[in-house]
Amino acid sequence: MNSTAQIKSSLYRPTLWAGVERVPGIILVMSTLLLVVSTVMLSIWWLGLVAAVYGIGGWKFLRMVAENDPFFLKVLWQWLRRGSDRYLAVSNGR
């Protein structure tokens, strides 16, 4: 009897939220909203410009990364967590 295993769709199809990966997109939106609230609370007009440039620029960057490689940030976080020395080639002394 052959049984087939279900493969999660997130393994071969990225889970995108408005064109960017979900977690970095949510982090960007939350940090932009924090800057907007700080602008309102502190009444500093240039902080609003910083929030707008940060939000728009960050979103464009995340979309560019997602278009080129949808799993880039997922793989990057795994690489940073494990350390870069794990994948170094070892010479045999020749």
Protein backbone atom coordinates (compact mmCIF):
# COMPACT_ATOMS: atom_id res chain seq x y z
CA MET A 1 0.00 0.00 0.00
CA ASN A 2 1.45 3.32 -1.10
CA SER A 3 0.69 6.33 1.00
CA THR A 4 1.49 9.85 0.06
CA ALA A 5 2.60 12.45 2.52
CA GLN A 6 1.24 15.96 2.41
CA ILE A 7 3.86 18.61 1.74
CA LYS A 8 3.24 21.96 3.33
CA SER A 9 2.67 24.58 0.67
CA SER A 10 4.99 26.99 2.50
CA LEU A 11 7.91 24.73 1.57
CA TYR A 12 7.52 25.34 -2.14
CA ARG A 13 5.29 28.41 -2.34
CA PRO A 14 6.15 31.43 -0.20
CA THR A 15 3.55 32.92 2.10
CA LEU A 16 3.49 36.56 1.07
CA TRP A 17 1.55 39.44 2.58
CA ALA A 18 0.99 42.22 0.02
CA GLY A 19 4.09 41.15 -1.89
CA VAL A 20 6.48 40.75 1.05
CA GLU A 21 7.16 37.98 3.53
CA ARG A 22 4.73 38.13 6.42
CA VAL A 23 7.02 38.48 9.45
CA PRO A 24 9.35 41.19 8.05
CA GLY A 25 6.32 43.03 6.66
CA ILE A 26 4.55 43.01 10.01
CA ILE A 27 7.72 44.15 11.79
CA LEU A 28 8.10 47.01 9.29
CA VAL A 29 4.47 48.10 9.66
CA MET A 30 4.62 47.99 13.46
CA SER A 31 7.87 49.98 13.62
CA THR A 32 6.50 52.53 11.14
CA LEU A 33 3.36 52.90 13.25
CA LEU A 34 5.55 53.40 16.32
CA LEU A 35 7.31 56.26 14.53
CA VAL A 36 3.96 57.78 13.50
CA VAL A 37 2.65 57.62 17.06
CA SER A 38 5.91 59.17 18.30
CA THR A 39 5.45 61.95 15.75
CA VAL A 40 1.97 62.71 17.05
CA MET A 41 2.95 62.49 20.71
CA LEU A 42 6.12 64.58 20.42
CA SER A 43 4.84 67.00 17.74
CA ILE A 44 8.08 66.75 15.75
CA TRP A 45 7.26 67.26 12.08
CA TRP A 46 10.50 65.87 10.67
CA LEU A 47 9.94 62.59 12.50
CA GLY A 48 6.83 62.16 10.36
CA LEU A 49 8.96 62.52 7.24
CA VAL A 50 11.39 59.96 8.62
CA ALA A 51 8.47 57.57 9.27
CA ALA A 52 7.16 58.03 5.72
CA VAL A 53 10.58 57.50 4.10
CA TYR A 54 11.30 54.53 6.38
CA GLY A 55 7.94 52.88 5.69
CA ILE A 56 7.90 53.38 1.93
CA GLY A 57 11.60 52.62 1.45
CA GLY A 58 11.46 49.56 3.66
CA TRP A 59 8.39 48.22 1.89
CA LYS A 60 10.00 48.71 -1.53
CA PHE A 61 13.15 46.95 -0.31
CA LEU A 62 11.19 44.01 1.09
CA ARG A 63 9.19 43.70 -2.14
CA MET A 64 12.38 43.75 -4.19
CA VAL A 65 13.87 41.00 -2.01
CA ALA A 66 10.65 38.93 -2.24
CA GLU A 67 10.55 39.25 -6.04
CA ASN A 68 14.13 38.07 -6.44
CA ASP A 69 14.05 35.30 -3.83
CA PRO A 70 10.83 34.76 -1.87
CA PHE A 71 12.57 32.66 0.79
CA PHE A 72 15.57 34.98 1.24
CA LEU A 73 14.82 36.25 4.74
CA LYS A 74 13.73 32.81 5.95
CA VAL A 75 17.02 31.31 4.79
CA LEU A 76 19.00 34.30 6.10
CA TRP A 77 17.56 33.90 9.60
CA GLN A 78 18.41 30.20 9.61
CA TRP A 79 21.93 30.98 8.45
CA LEU A 80 22.40 33.64 11.15
CA ARG A 81 21.01 31.33 13.84
CA ARG A 82 23.30 28.44 12.95
CA GLY A 83 26.41 30.48 12.27
CA SER A 84 28.38 30.99 9.12
CA ASP A 85 31.23 28.62 10.05
CA ARG A 86 29.03 25.54 9.61
CA TYR A 87 29.26 25.59 5.82
CA LEU A 88 32.96 26.31 5.37
CA ALA A 89 34.89 23.84 3.25
CA VAL A 90 37.62 21.88 5.02
CA SER A 91 40.89 21.32 3.18
CA ASN A 92 42.62 17.98 3.42
CA GLY A 93 46.11 19.49 3.56
CA ARG A 94 47.06 18.98 -0.08
